[in-house]
Amino acid sequence: MVVKGEYTIPEGFNRVDSLHLSLSRTLYVKEMHKELLLKQLETALSGVELPTTKISFSKLAKYSNDEGTCHFLALDLAEGESAGQLEKAIQLIDSVLKGFGLPQYYDPPSLHVSLGWRVDDWSLSTFYFEFSLNAVFDEILMKCGNKIHKLR
């Protein structure tokens, strides 16, 4: 889900390619399953209500990929109605992924927007920076390789 905003990345970090809120883990999908997966996700998400209220972020957070080889500076989404709507979308996505034997989202879900990344480990307590983000959740996209597919 696309997020727009202004922020300065702390020194030593790489900017993420595009600000987004992930509704699934990074997945490895077999080429022969890609089209069917996309169609099933489109169907599952067709009736999902996306948040229309202002989205708030509660705090800075640190996340690492499953392999522990990359560490991300992120903003956690604040609890509330919007988080509940997004968690419902995650449940629908998870139900489709389960049918393909793919990993489901983290339990409990951790809704966040990654701002930057670096390969060496670091401590969250050493960073302070200012940001202004507006979350715009008007579409759900899936990136497969270098292609982006609109699911909703």
Protein backbone atom coordinates (compact mmCIF):
# COMPACT_ATOMS: atom_id res chain seq x y z
CA MET A 1 0.00 0.00 0.00
CA VAL A 2 1.51 3.31 -1.09
CA VAL A 3 2.54 5.93 1.49
CA LYS A 4 3.59 9.46 0.65
CA GLY A 5 5.61 11.78 2.83
CA GLU A 6 8.71 13.78 3.58
CA TYR A 7 11.52 12.59 5.78
CA THR A 8 15.25 12.77 6.13
CA ILE A 9 17.01 9.44 6.38
CA PRO A 10 19.71 9.17 9.06
CA GLU A 11 23.30 8.94 7.86
CA GLY A 12 24.42 5.40 7.06
CA PHE A 13 20.99 4.24 5.87
CA ASN A 14 19.78 3.57 2.34
CA ARG A 15 16.32 4.87 1.41
CA VAL A 16 13.71 2.28 0.55
CA ASP A 17 12.70 2.28 -3.13
CA SER A 18 9.16 3.41 -2.33
CA LEU A 19 7.34 3.98 0.92
CA HIS A 20 4.74 1.28 1.44
CA LEU A 21 2.94 -0.72 4.07
CA SER A 22 3.38 -4.46 3.51
CA LEU A 23 0.42 -6.80 3.94
CA SER A 24 2.49 -9.96 3.45
CA ARG A 25 5.99 -11.25 3.91
CA THR A 26 8.38 -11.24 0.97
CA LEU A 27 7.33 -14.29 -1.03
CA TYR A 28 9.00 -16.56 -3.54
CA VAL A 29 6.30 -17.61 -6.02
CA LYS A 30 6.80 -20.21 -8.72
CA GLU A 31 6.27 -18.72 -12.18
CA MET A 32 3.58 -21.32 -12.97
CA HIS A 33 1.55 -20.16 -9.92
CA LYS A 34 1.89 -16.39 -10.38
CA GLU A 35 -1.19 -15.69 -12.53
CA LEU A 36 -3.50 -17.88 -10.45
CA LEU A 37 -2.19 -16.31 -7.23
CA LEU A 38 -2.79 -12.81 -8.60
CA LYS A 39 -6.37 -13.69 -9.64
CA GLN A 40 -7.19 -15.25 -6.27
CA LEU A 41 -5.78 -12.25 -4.41
CA GLU A 42 -7.79 -9.84 -6.60
CA THR A 43 -10.96 -11.80 -5.83
CA ALA A 44 -10.25 -12.04 -2.10
CA LEU A 45 -9.51 -8.30 -1.79
CA SER A 46 -12.31 -7.01 -4.04
CA GLY A 47 -14.64 -6.22 -1.14
CA VAL A 48 -12.06 -4.97 1.34
CA GLU A 49 -12.65 -1.51 2.77
CA LEU A 50 -9.43 0.45 2.88
CA PRO A 51 -8.95 3.01 5.65
CA THR A 52 -10.38 6.39 4.76
CA THR A 53 -9.47 8.14 8.00
CA LYS A 54 -6.14 9.75 8.82
CA ILE A 55 -3.50 7.14 9.59
CA SER A 56 -1.27 7.72 12.61
CA PHE A 57 2.12 6.29 13.38
CA SER A 58 3.00 5.51 16.97
CA LYS A 59 6.77 5.10 17.17
CA LEU A 60 10.06 4.38 15.47
CA ALA A 61 10.88 0.69 15.24
CA LYS A 62 13.59 -1.64 14.03
CA TYR A 63 12.86 -4.72 11.92
CA SER A 64 15.14 -7.34 10.42
CA ASN A 65 14.52 -9.68 7.50
CA ASP A 66 14.00 -13.39 8.23
CA GLU A 67 17.66 -14.15 7.48
CA GLY A 68 18.93 -11.33 9.74
CA THR A 69 21.02 -9.92 6.89
CA CYS A 70 19.21 -6.59 6.51
CA HIS A 71 17.86 -4.24 9.19
CA PHE A 72 15.14 -1.63 8.65
CA LEU A 73 14.25 1.67 10.30
CA ALA A 74 10.45 1.87 10.34
CA LEU A 75 7.40 3.65 11.70
CA ASP A 76 4.79 1.49 13.44
CA LEU A 77 1.15 2.13 12.60
CA ALA A 78 -0.88 3.23 15.63
CA GLU A 79 -3.66 0.96 16.88
CA GLY A 80 -7.19 1.87 15.85
CA GLU A 81 -9.90 1.37 13.25
CA SER A 82 -7.46 1.68 10.34
CA ALA A 83 -5.20 -1.01 11.77
CA GLY A 84 -8.22 -3.28 12.17
CA GLN A 85 -9.22 -2.78 8.52
CA LEU A 86 -5.69 -3.57 7.35
CA GLU A 87 -5.51 -6.66 9.57
CA LYS A 88 -8.70 -7.91 7.88
CA ALA A 89 -6.98 -7.53 4.50
CA ILE A 90 -3.99 -9.46 5.87
CA GLN A 91 -6.30 -12.31 6.96
CA LEU A 92 -7.77 -12.51 3.44
CA ILE A 93 -4.31 -12.48 1.86
CA ASP A 94 -3.11 -15.15 4.30
CA SER A 95 -6.02 -17.42 3.40
CA VAL A 96 -5.00 -17.27 -0.28
CA LEU A 97 -1.30 -17.74 0.47
CA LYS A 98 -2.04 -20.78 2.64
CA GLY A 99 -3.65 -22.48 -0.37
CA PHE A 100 -0.35 -22.11 -2.24
CA GLY A 101 1.74 -23.35 0.69
CA LEU A 102 3.29 -19.88 1.09
CA PRO A 103 4.24 -18.30 4.43
CA GLN A 104 1.64 -16.13 6.09
CA TYR A 105 2.16 -12.69 7.64
CA TYR A 106 3.74 -12.36 11.06
CA ASP A 107 1.68 -13.31 14.09
CA PRO A 108 0.82 -10.96 15.60
CA PRO A 109 0.74 -8.61 12.60
CA SER A 110 3.21 -5.75 12.73
CA LEU A 111 1.91 -2.95 10.54
CA HIS A 112 4.73 -0.58 9.69
CA VAL A 113 6.30 1.56 6.98
CA SER A 114 10.00 0.98 6.37
CA LEU A 115 11.93 4.19 5.76
CA GLY A 116 15.47 2.96 5.29
CA TRP A 117 17.74 -0.05 5.57
CA ARG A 118 21.31 -1.11 6.17
CA VAL A 119 23.13 -4.44 6.33
CA ASP A 120 25.06 -3.88 9.56
CA ASP A 121 23.20 -4.15 12.85
CA TRP A 122 22.43 -0.96 14.78
CA SER A 123 20.62 0.29 17.87
CA LEU A 124 17.32 2.13 17.61
CA SER A 125 18.15 4.28 20.63
CA THR A 126 20.85 6.15 18.69
CA PHE A 127 18.51 7.73 16.14
CA TYR A 128 16.31 10.79 16.07
CA PHE A 129 14.88 12.45 13.01
CA GLU A 130 11.82 14.40 11.92
CA PHE A 131 9.22 13.11 9.54
CA SER A 132 5.87 14.00 8.06
CA LEU A 133 3.95 11.19 6.38
CA ASN A 134 0.46 10.95 4.97
CA ALA A 135 -0.76 7.44 4.38
CA VAL A 136 -2.79 7.11 1.19
CA PHE A 137 -4.41 3.69 1.04
CA ASP A 138 -6.34 3.74 -2.20
CA GLU A 139 -4.87 0.68 -3.84
CA ILE A 140 -3.26 -2.65 -3.04
CA LEU A 141 -0.32 -3.62 -5.22
CA MET A 142 1.74 -6.78 -5.59
CA LYS A 143 5.30 -6.62 -6.85
CA CYS A 144 6.42 -9.74 -8.74
CA GLY A 145 10.01 -9.40 -9.83
CA ASN A 146 10.19 -6.02 -11.55
CA LYS A 147 6.46 -5.87 -12.37
CA ILE A 148 3.83 -4.25 -10.19
CA HIS A 149 0.28 -5.60 -10.35
CA LYS A 150 -2.72 -3.71 -9.05
CA LEU A 151 -4.91 -6.02 -6.96
CA ARG A 152 -7.42 -3.43 -5.78
